């Protein structure tokens, strides 16, 4: 099972989103100093907080709330996995925890 955990930096996130066919709105992030960027694709919109890694998903047609980064019931949905791949870096299986993976990326911070 894939594990995700490290929040992508904004440049990486933008590139990944565009490559995966998502529209990304970074106006508030760059022009207003907001922590949020907005992703959309087909019937889904995602408000992603670049500071803390949280995200919130809504249906574009109904404007109903669908879920968050904490929605365990959505983890098997293909579109949900797609969102995870865009906003977080995958933790390789050789690392047991997010903390262990972070240490490998930033050895001086240990």
C-alpha atoms as a PDB file:
ATOM      1  CA  UNK A   1       0.000   0.000   0.000  1.00  0.00           C
ATOM      2  CA  UNK A   2       1.352   3.405  -0.954  1.00  0.00           C
ATOM      3  CA  UNK A   3       2.012   5.912   1.812  1.00  0.00           C
ATOM      4  CA  UNK A   4       1.965   9.652   1.298  1.00  0.00           C
ATOM      5  CA  UNK A   5       3.108  12.252   3.742  1.00  0.00           C
ATOM      6  CA  UNK A   6       5.528  14.994   2.758  1.00  0.00           C
ATOM      7  CA  UNK A   7       3.769  18.080   1.389  1.00  0.00           C
ATOM      8  CA  UNK A   8       5.088  19.065  -2.038  1.00  0.00           C
ATOM      9  CA  UNK A   9       6.522  22.545  -2.439  1.00  0.00           C
ATOM     10  CA  UNK A  10       4.442  24.891  -4.588  1.00  0.00           C
ATOM     11  CA  UNK A  11       6.532  24.552  -7.767  1.00  0.00           C
ATOM     12  CA  UNK A  12       6.479  20.755  -7.593  1.00  0.00           C
ATOM     13  CA  UNK A  13       2.757  20.750  -6.809  1.00  0.00           C
ATOM     14  CA  UNK A  14       1.943  23.034  -9.757  1.00  0.00           C
ATOM     15  CA  UNK A  15       3.974  20.922 -12.162  1.00  0.00           C
ATOM     16  CA  UNK A  16       2.465  17.647 -10.919  1.00  0.00           C
ATOM     17  CA  UNK A  17      -1.093  19.010 -11.111  1.00  0.00           C
ATOM     18  CA  UNK A  18      -0.708  20.255 -14.687  1.00  0.00           C
ATOM     19  CA  UNK A  19       0.961  17.016 -15.818  1.00  0.00           C
ATOM     20  CA  UNK A  20      -1.944  15.061 -14.321  1.00  0.00           C
ATOM     21  CA  UNK A  21      -4.527  17.200 -16.156  1.00  0.00           C
ATOM     22  CA  UNK A  22      -5.743  19.339 -13.259  1.00  0.00           C
ATOM     23  CA  UNK A  23      -6.381  23.063 -13.451  1.00  0.00           C
ATOM     24  CA  UNK A  24      -4.610  24.947 -10.685  1.00  0.00           C
ATOM     25  CA  UNK A  25      -5.400  28.413  -9.359  1.00  0.00           C
ATOM     26  CA  UNK A  26      -2.511  29.964  -7.421  1.00  0.00           C
ATOM     27  CA  UNK A  27      -3.667  33.596  -7.616  1.00  0.00           C
ATOM     28  CA  UNK A  28      -4.477  33.912  -3.905  1.00  0.00           C
ATOM     29  CA  UNK A  29      -1.219  32.197  -2.972  1.00  0.00           C
ATOM     30  CA  UNK A  30       0.996  34.512  -5.026  1.00  0.00           C
ATOM     31  CA  UNK A  31      -1.001  37.755  -5.000  1.00  0.00           C
ATOM     32  CA  UNK A  32      -2.613  37.761  -1.547  1.00  0.00           C
ATOM     33  CA  UNK A  33      -0.205  35.673   0.508  1.00  0.00           C
ATOM     34  CA  UNK A  34      -2.814  32.964   1.126  1.00  0.00           C
ATOM     35  CA  UNK A  35      -1.775  29.466   2.131  1.00  0.00           C
ATOM     36  CA  UNK A  36      -4.371  27.978  -0.228  1.00  0.00           C
ATOM     37  CA  UNK A  37      -4.185  26.865  -3.843  1.00  0.00           C
ATOM     38  CA  UNK A  38      -7.184  25.465  -5.686  1.00  0.00           C
ATOM     39  CA  UNK A  39      -7.249  22.424  -7.946  1.00  0.00           C
ATOM     40  CA  UNK A  40     -10.109  21.362 -10.194  1.00  0.00           C
ATOM     41  CA  UNK A  41     -10.784  18.553 -12.595  1.00  0.00           C
ATOM     42  CA  UNK A  42     -14.106  17.489 -14.048  1.00  0.00           C
ATOM     43  CA  UNK A  43     -16.633  17.533 -11.207  1.00  0.00           C
ATOM     44  CA  UNK A  44     -14.182  17.933  -8.303  1.00  0.00           C
ATOM     45  CA  UNK A  45     -12.561  20.979  -6.702  1.00  0.00           C
ATOM     46  CA  UNK A  46      -9.876  20.847  -4.035  1.00  0.00           C
ATOM     47  CA  UNK A  47      -8.803  23.623  -1.677  1.00  0.00           C
ATOM     48  CA  UNK A  48      -5.267  22.701  -0.579  1.00  0.00           C
ATOM     49  CA  UNK A  49      -3.452  24.384   2.306  1.00  0.00           C
ATOM     50  CA  UNK A  50       0.231  24.574   1.344  1.00  0.00           C
ATOM     51  CA  UNK A  51       1.280  25.302   4.932  1.00  0.00           C
ATOM     52  CA  UNK A  52      -0.216  22.370   6.807  1.00  0.00           C
ATOM     53  CA  UNK A  53      -1.022  19.925   3.974  1.00  0.00           C
ATOM     54  CA  UNK A  54      -4.761  19.734   4.669  1.00  0.00           C
ATOM     55  CA  UNK A  55      -7.240  19.689   1.784  1.00  0.00           C
ATOM     56  CA  UNK A  56     -10.980  19.935   1.326  1.00  0.00           C
ATOM     57  CA  UNK A  57     -12.927  18.486  -1.608  1.00  0.00           C
ATOM     58  CA  UNK A  58     -16.219  19.705  -3.069  1.00  0.00           C
ATOM     59  CA  UNK A  59     -18.433  18.616  -5.945  1.00  0.00           C
ATOM     60  CA  UNK A  60     -18.458  21.347  -8.634  1.00  0.00           C
ATOM     61  CA  UNK A  61     -22.075  20.742  -9.683  1.00  0.00           C
ATOM     62  CA  UNK A  62     -23.776  20.445  -6.315  1.00  0.00           C
ATOM     63  CA  UNK A  63     -21.232  22.492  -4.320  1.00  0.00           C
ATOM     64  CA  UNK A  64     -21.554  19.774  -1.670  1.00  0.00           C
ATOM     65  CA  UNK A  65     -18.630  18.914   0.563  1.00  0.00           C
ATOM     66  CA  UNK A  66     -17.185  15.489  -0.346  1.00  0.00           C
ATOM     67  CA  UNK A  67     -14.269  14.947   2.006  1.00  0.00           C
ATOM     68  CA  UNK A  68     -10.838  15.945   3.303  1.00  0.00           C
ATOM     69  CA  UNK A  69      -7.305  14.634   3.548  1.00  0.00           C
ATOM     70  CA  UNK A  70      -8.595  12.630   6.540  1.00  0.00           C
ATOM     71  CA  UNK A  71     -11.412  10.812   4.664  1.00  0.00           C
ATOM     72  CA  UNK A  72     -10.582   7.162   5.255  1.00  0.00           C
ATOM     73  CA  UNK A  73     -13.680   6.025   3.341  1.00  0.00           C
ATOM     74  CA  UNK A  74     -12.321   7.625   0.141  1.00  0.00           C
ATOM     75  CA  UNK A  75      -8.841   6.058   0.202  1.00  0.00           C
ATOM     76  CA  UNK A  76      -9.794   3.433  -2.400  1.00  0.00           C
ATOM     77  CA  UNK A  77     -11.237   5.959  -4.878  1.00  0.00           C
ATOM     78  CA  UNK A  78      -9.004   6.505  -7.930  1.00  0.00           C
ATOM     79  CA  UNK A  79      -9.646  10.272  -7.996  1.00  0.00           C
ATOM     80  CA  UNK A  80      -8.778  10.539  -4.285  1.00  0.00           C
ATOM     81  CA  UNK A  81      -5.487   8.704  -4.820  1.00  0.00           C
ATOM     82  CA  UNK A  82      -4.811  11.122  -7.681  1.00  0.00           C
ATOM     83  CA  UNK A  83      -5.195  14.066  -5.293  1.00  0.00           C
ATOM     84  CA  UNK A  84      -2.837  12.435  -2.782  1.00  0.00           C
ATOM     85  CA  UNK A  85      -0.197  11.973  -5.496  1.00  0.00           C
ATOM     86  CA  UNK A  86      -0.420  15.636  -6.456  1.00  0.00           C
ATOM     87  CA  UNK A  87      -0.225  17.233  -3.016  1.00  0.00           C
ATOM     88  CA  UNK A  88       2.070  14.791  -1.194  1.00  0.00           C
ATOM     89  CA  UNK A  89       5.296  13.038  -2.006  1.00  0.00           C
ATOM     90  CA  UNK A  90       5.075   9.275  -1.816  1.00  0.00           C
ATOM     91  CA  UNK A  91       7.012   7.681   1.027  1.00  0.00           C
ATOM     92  CA  UNK A  92       9.085   4.783  -0.366  1.00  0.00           C
ATOM     93  CA  UNK A  93       8.245   1.437   1.203  1.00  0.00           C
ATOM     94  CA  UNK A  94      11.719   1.070   2.715  1.00  0.00           C
ATOM     95  CA  UNK A  95      10.810   3.811   5.202  1.00  0.00           C
ATOM     96  CA  UNK A  96       8.492   2.751   7.993  1.00  0.00           C
ATOM     97  CA  UNK A  97       7.375   6.232   8.979  1.00  0.00           C
ATOM     98  CA  UNK A  98       7.008   9.732   7.620  1.00  0.00           C
ATOM     99  CA  UNK A  99       9.520  10.921  10.251  1.00  0.00           C
ATOM    100  CA  UNK A 100      12.154   8.427   9.070  1.00  0.00           C
ATOM    101  CA  UNK A 101      11.606   9.542   5.452  1.00  0.00           C
ATOM    102  CA  UNK A 102      11.858  13.233   6.460  1.00  0.00           C
ATOM    103  CA  UNK A 103      15.172  12.559   8.182  1.00  0.00           C
ATOM    104  CA  UNK A 104      16.516  11.021   4.976  1.00  0.00           C
ATOM    105  CA  UNK A 105      15.474  14.115   2.977  1.00  0.00           C
ATOM    106  CA  UNK A 106      16.861  16.588   5.530  1.00  0.00           C
ATOM    107  CA  UNK A 107      19.725  14.889   7.418  1.00  0.00           C
ATOM    108  CA  UNK A 108      20.847  18.161   9.037  1.00  0.00           C
ATOM    109  CA  UNK A 109      17.484  18.639  10.761  1.00  0.00           C
ATOM    110  CA  UNK A 110      17.773  15.357  12.730  1.00  0.00           C
END
